[in-house]
Amino acid sequence: MRMAYRPRTFVLELVMVAVAVAFLFPVYALVTLAFKDPGQIANAPLSPPNPPSVDSFGTAWQSASLGSALLNSTLITVSSVLALIVLGSLAAYFLARRASRLSYSLYILFLVGIILPFQLGMIPLYQLVNDLGLLGTYQGMILFYTGIQLPFTVFLYTGFIRSLPADYTHAALIDGASHLQAFRHVIFPLLRPITGTVLILNAVHIWNDFFTPLLYLGGSGRETVPVRIFAFVNEYTSDYGLVAAGLVLAALPILVVFLVLQRYVIRGFSSGLKG
């Protein structure tokens, strides 16, 4: 039996269309500007490119040294995410399987780390990194991102591990395995959905971050993609075609990763909220 088409349904459809347009318009503007030459941008910035031009991509790649910037971003992102997966899953295993005041207190401490903005400790963190001699280095950025993103990672892993039956761990321990062996061979393989979520959420955040690399890597020659693209914008002139082309090139790697792992994001995140 067909349901009646009500005015409320029509209004909801209009709202969904408006939301879709609001989300898609920046993407359209970005791609349109990227495939236009400066003359087309000056005359009609938002009209479809006619004819399309790819000159901005080559200019952006060369003038901003995007090749080395992509390598810098990849090294920092991959290393940070790997550290977060290893440390976050191990810490979450302890917090989820040990019922003690210590584990509960540590879990609350991690939750506080999610709530507090890192800007509160921006100056002390900068001074600490500088005192350790890690300013302008890959190690300093990896250490920073691992520390900043670890509370959220532990939160996701802990909720997911709590949703798993404890019988898996008990069976492994009865068979003579240590806790580390039980985690490595039994628990961690079951964490694939939430690991995909942890990977994509942290990778997107680290890859797109602008302020932290600008502060810690500025002038070092190890700048990430967002910082290099910022070179196209200054106080007096802005080449929006080069900016758009650089942003398209910067978005492609992380977009591919998201498309590959998208089926894990919602499933892993919803599972991580249990318990």
Protein backbone atom coordinates (compact mmCIF):
# COMPACT_ATOMS: atom_id res chain seq x y z
CA MET A 1 0.00 0.00 0.00
CA ARG A 2 1.43 3.35 -1.08
CA MET A 3 1.77 6.04 1.53
CA ALA A 4 0.26 9.45 0.84
CA TYR A 5 2.69 12.15 -0.27
CA ARG A 6 2.30 14.72 2.47
CA PRO A 7 3.43 18.36 2.61
CA ARG A 8 5.77 17.41 5.45
CA THR A 9 7.55 14.94 3.15
CA PHE A 10 7.95 17.65 0.51
CA VAL A 11 9.45 20.04 3.07
CA LEU A 12 11.89 17.37 4.27
CA GLU A 13 12.95 16.72 0.69
CA LEU A 14 13.57 20.43 0.14
CA VAL A 15 15.66 20.57 3.31
CA MET A 16 17.73 17.56 2.23
CA VAL A 17 18.28 19.10 -1.22
CA ALA A 18 19.35 22.39 0.38
CA VAL A 19 21.79 20.59 2.70
CA ALA A 20 23.21 18.62 -0.24
CA VAL A 21 23.70 21.82 -2.23
CA ALA A 22 25.37 23.49 0.76
CA PHE A 23 27.85 20.61 1.05
CA LEU A 24 28.48 20.19 -2.68
CA PHE A 25 28.85 23.85 -3.62
CA PRO A 26 32.35 24.29 -2.05
CA VAL A 27 33.49 21.15 -3.90
CA TYR A 28 32.09 22.50 -7.17
CA ALA A 29 33.76 25.88 -6.61
CA LEU A 30 37.09 24.25 -5.76
CA VAL A 31 37.14 21.99 -8.82
CA THR A 32 35.90 24.79 -11.09
CA LEU A 33 38.64 27.19 -9.99
CA ALA A 34 41.28 24.48 -10.29
CA PHE A 35 40.51 23.91 -13.98
CA LYS A 36 40.42 27.59 -14.96
CA ASP A 37 43.17 29.96 -16.07
CA PRO A 38 43.51 33.37 -14.36
CA GLY A 39 41.56 35.11 -17.13
CA GLN A 40 38.52 32.86 -16.71
CA ILE A 41 38.64 33.23 -12.92
CA ALA A 42 38.65 37.03 -13.21
CA ASN A 43 35.70 37.14 -15.63
CA ALA A 44 33.44 34.36 -14.32
CA PRO A 45 34.88 32.57 -11.29
CA LEU A 46 31.97 30.16 -10.67
CA SER A 47 30.91 29.32 -14.22
CA PRO A 48 32.04 25.97 -15.66
CA PRO A 49 35.56 26.15 -17.18
CA ASN A 50 35.45 26.71 -20.93
CA PRO A 51 37.79 25.30 -22.01
CA PRO A 52 39.22 23.39 -19.01
CA SER A 53 42.85 24.11 -18.27
CA VAL A 54 45.30 21.98 -16.27
CA ASP A 55 48.07 24.59 -16.23
CA SER A 56 47.35 25.48 -12.60
CA PHE A 57 48.14 21.92 -11.48
CA GLY A 58 51.61 21.93 -13.03
CA THR A 59 52.36 25.43 -11.73
CA ALA A 60 51.15 24.57 -8.23
CA TRP A 61 53.16 21.34 -8.18
CA GLN A 62 56.39 23.07 -9.17
CA SER A 63 56.16 26.45 -7.46
CA ALA A 64 55.07 25.04 -4.09
CA SER A 65 57.27 21.90 -4.30
CA LEU A 66 54.19 19.81 -3.62
CA GLY A 67 56.09 16.60 -4.36
CA SER A 68 58.31 16.95 -1.29
CA ALA A 69 55.37 18.32 0.71
CA LEU A 70 53.33 15.20 -0.08
CA LEU A 71 56.22 13.04 1.10
CA ASN A 72 56.45 15.06 4.32
CA SER A 73 52.71 14.79 4.94
CA THR A 74 52.73 11.06 4.16
CA LEU A 75 55.65 10.34 6.49
CA ILE A 76 54.15 12.29 9.39
CA THR A 77 50.62 10.95 8.88
CA VAL A 78 51.56 7.29 8.45
CA SER A 79 54.01 7.28 11.37
CA SER A 80 51.58 9.06 13.69
CA VAL A 81 48.66 6.80 12.79
CA LEU A 82 50.74 3.64 13.28
CA ALA A 83 51.87 4.89 16.70
CA LEU A 84 48.27 5.72 17.63
CA ILE A 85 47.00 2.28 16.59
CA VAL A 86 49.68 0.43 18.56
CA LEU A 87 49.63 2.57 21.71
CA GLY A 88 45.88 3.21 21.67
CA SER A 89 44.88 -0.43 21.26
CA LEU A 90 47.30 -1.63 23.95
CA ALA A 91 46.17 1.04 26.41
CA ALA A 92 42.50 0.33 25.65
CA TYR A 93 43.01 -3.40 26.21
CA PHE A 94 44.31 -2.71 29.72
CA LEU A 95 41.52 -0.23 30.50
CA ALA A 96 38.78 -2.51 29.17
CA ARG A 97 39.94 -5.76 30.77
CA ARG A 98 41.20 -4.55 34.17
CA ALA A 99 38.44 -3.65 36.62
CA SER A 100 40.37 -1.51 39.09
CA ARG A 101 40.45 2.03 40.38
CA LEU A 102 43.66 2.65 38.44
CA SER A 103 42.15 1.64 35.10
CA TYR A 104 39.01 3.69 35.79
CA SER A 105 41.05 6.75 36.79
CA LEU A 106 43.20 6.46 33.69
CA TYR A 107 40.12 6.16 31.51
CA ILE A 108 38.66 9.34 33.04
CA LEU A 109 42.01 11.05 32.43
CA PHE A 110 41.85 10.12 28.75
CA LEU A 111 38.29 11.47 28.56
CA VAL A 112 39.49 14.76 30.03
CA GLY A 113 42.14 14.80 27.31
CA ILE A 114 39.36 14.70 24.71
CA ILE A 115 37.45 17.57 26.28
CA LEU A 116 40.34 19.98 26.85
CA PRO A 117 41.45 21.86 23.70
CA PHE A 118 45.16 21.58 22.96
CA GLN A 119 45.31 25.38 22.52
CA LEU A 120 45.34 25.64 26.31
CA GLY A 121 48.79 24.06 26.34
CA MET A 122 50.03 25.47 23.05
CA ILE A 123 52.81 27.63 24.49
CA PRO A 124 54.11 25.03 27.00
CA LEU A 125 54.00 22.32 24.30
CA TYR A 126 55.95 24.52 21.90
CA GLN A 127 58.53 25.26 24.59
CA LEU A 128 58.80 21.55 25.46
CA VAL A 129 59.36 20.55 21.83
CA ASN A 130 61.93 23.32 21.48
CA ASP A 131 63.77 22.24 24.66
CA LEU A 132 63.89 18.65 23.40
CA GLY A 133 65.50 19.84 20.18
CA LEU A 134 62.61 18.49 18.10
CA LEU A 135 61.42 21.77 16.62
CA GLY A 136 61.36 21.55 12.83
CA THR A 137 61.74 17.75 12.82
CA TYR A 138 59.51 14.87 11.80
CA GLN A 139 59.94 13.29 15.23
CA GLY A 140 58.53 16.36 16.96
CA MET A 141 55.41 16.35 14.78
CA ILE A 142 54.86 12.61 15.20
CA LEU A 143 55.24 12.91 18.98
CA PHE A 144 52.86 15.86 19.06
CA TYR A 145 50.12 14.22 17.01
CA THR A 146 50.43 10.93 18.89
CA GLY A 147 49.95 12.69 22.21
CA ILE A 148 47.11 14.93 21.04
CA GLN A 149 45.10 12.19 19.30
CA LEU A 150 45.77 9.37 21.78
CA PRO A 151 42.82 10.14 24.14
CA PHE A 152 40.27 9.94 21.32
CA THR A 153 41.90 6.78 19.96
CA VAL A 154 41.85 5.11 23.38
CA PHE A 155 38.20 6.09 23.81
CA LEU A 156 37.19 4.37 20.56
CA TYR A 157 39.25 1.24 21.18
CA THR A 158 38.09 0.89 24.79
CA GLY A 159 34.42 0.99 23.87
CA PHE A 160 34.92 -1.58 21.12
CA ILE A 161 36.95 -3.99 23.29
CA ARG A 162 34.32 -3.77 26.04
CA SER A 163 31.72 -4.90 23.51
CA LEU A 164 33.72 -8.08 22.80
CA PRO A 165 33.05 -11.15 24.97
CA ALA A 166 35.72 -11.57 27.65
CA ASP A 167 35.62 -15.32 27.00
CA TYR A 168 38.07 -14.86 24.12
CA THR A 169 40.69 -13.48 26.46
CA HIS A 170 39.99 -16.03 29.22
CA ALA A 171 40.30 -18.93 26.79
CA ALA A 172 43.67 -17.68 25.56
CA LEU A 173 44.94 -17.21 29.12
CA ILE A 174 43.79 -20.70 30.13
CA ASP A 175 45.72 -22.11 27.16
CA GLY A 176 48.89 -20.58 28.60
CA ALA A 177 49.10 -17.35 26.63
CA SER A 178 50.25 -14.14 28.29
CA HIS A 179 48.10 -11.02 28.14
CA LEU A 180 50.31 -9.61 25.39
CA GLN A 181 50.01 -12.82 23.36
CA ALA A 182 46.24 -12.92 23.91
CA PHE A 183 45.98 -9.35 22.71
CA ARG A 184 48.21 -9.88 19.68
CA HIS A 185 46.77 -13.16 18.43
CA VAL A 186 43.15 -13.05 19.64
CA ILE A 187 41.93 -9.53 20.39
CA PHE A 188 43.74 -7.34 17.86
CA PRO A 189 42.48 -9.29 14.80
CA LEU A 190 38.95 -8.63 16.05
CA LEU A 191 39.61 -4.89 16.14
CA ARG A 192 39.65 -4.48 12.36
CA PRO A 193 36.45 -2.37 12.13
CA ILE A 194 37.45 0.10 14.84
CA THR A 195 41.04 0.16 13.56
CA GLY A 196 39.73 1.29 10.19
CA THR A 197 37.79 4.05 11.93
CA VAL A 198 40.81 5.09 14.00
CA LEU A 199 42.98 5.11 10.88
CA ILE A 200 40.74 7.26 8.70
CA LEU A 201 39.67 9.76 11.38
CA ASN A 202 43.21 10.38 12.60
CA ALA A 203 44.67 10.38 9.09
CA VAL A 204 42.17 13.00 7.89
CA HIS A 205 42.86 15.21 10.91
CA ILE A 206 46.65 14.99 10.67
CA TRP A 207 46.77 15.31 6.87
CA ASN A 208 44.57 18.42 6.81
CA ASP A 209 46.04 20.15 9.86
CA PHE A 210 47.47 23.55 9.02
CA PHE A 211 48.21 25.39 12.24
CA THR A 212 50.46 22.83 13.93
CA PRO A 213 52.83 22.24 10.98
CA LEU A 214 52.98 25.99 10.40
CA LEU A 215 53.99 26.50 14.02
CA TYR A 216 56.41 23.58 14.41
CA LEU A 217 57.77 23.13 10.87
CA GLY A 218 57.64 26.63 9.39
CA GLY A 219 60.90 27.51 7.64
CA SER A 220 62.43 24.07 8.19
CA GLY A 221 61.99 22.75 4.66
CA ARG A 222 59.81 19.93 6.02
CA GLU A 223 56.47 21.70 5.67
CA THR A 224 53.36 19.68 4.93
CA VAL A 225 50.99 20.23 2.01
CA PRO A 226 48.60 22.76 3.68
CA VAL A 227 51.53 24.97 4.71
CA ARG A 228 53.06 24.88 1.22
CA ILE A 229 49.72 25.78 -0.38
CA PHE A 230 49.45 28.75 1.97
CA ALA A 231 52.41 30.25 0.07
CA PHE A 232 49.99 31.14 -2.74
CA VAL A 233 48.15 33.53 -0.42
CA ASN A 234 49.71 36.72 0.88
CA GLU A 235 48.64 40.13 2.13
CA TYR A 236 48.24 41.77 -1.25
CA THR A 237 47.56 39.07 -3.86
CA SER A 238 46.02 35.61 -3.91
CA ASP A 239 46.16 33.20 -6.82
CA TYR A 240 42.97 31.25 -6.22
CA GLY A 241 43.52 29.02 -9.23
CA LEU A 242 46.81 27.75 -7.78
CA VAL A 243 45.26 27.42 -4.33
CA ALA A 244 42.36 25.36 -5.71
CA ALA A 245 44.67 23.17 -7.81
CA GLY A 246 46.93 22.57 -4.82
CA LEU A 247 43.96 21.67 -2.62
CA VAL A 248 42.66 19.20 -5.21
CA LEU A 249 46.08 17.52 -5.40
CA ALA A 250 46.32 17.47 -1.60
CA ALA A 251 42.85 15.96 -1.20
CA LEU A 252 43.32 13.08 -3.64
CA PRO A 253 45.50 10.77 -1.44
CA ILE A 254 43.35 11.06 1.66
CA LEU A 255 40.19 10.75 -0.47
CA VAL A 256 41.43 7.44 -1.85
CA VAL A 257 42.15 6.19 1.68
CA PHE A 258 38.67 7.23 2.80
CA LEU A 259 36.96 5.50 -0.13
CA VAL A 260 38.87 2.29 0.61
CA LEU A 261 38.06 2.31 4.34
CA GLN A 262 34.64 4.02 4.37
CA ARG A 263 32.76 0.80 5.16
CA TYR A 264 34.65 0.57 8.46
CA VAL A 265 34.04 4.15 9.60
CA ILE A 266 30.38 4.08 10.64
CA ARG A 267 30.44 0.43 11.79
CA GLY A 268 33.58 0.89 13.85
CA PHE A 269 32.53 4.23 15.31
CA SER A 270 29.09 3.02 16.34
CA SER A 271 30.62 -0.10 17.90
CA GLY A 272 33.17 2.02 19.73
CA LEU A 273 30.41 3.96 21.42
CA LYS A 274 29.03 0.85 23.07
CA GLY A 275 29.83 0.19 26.67
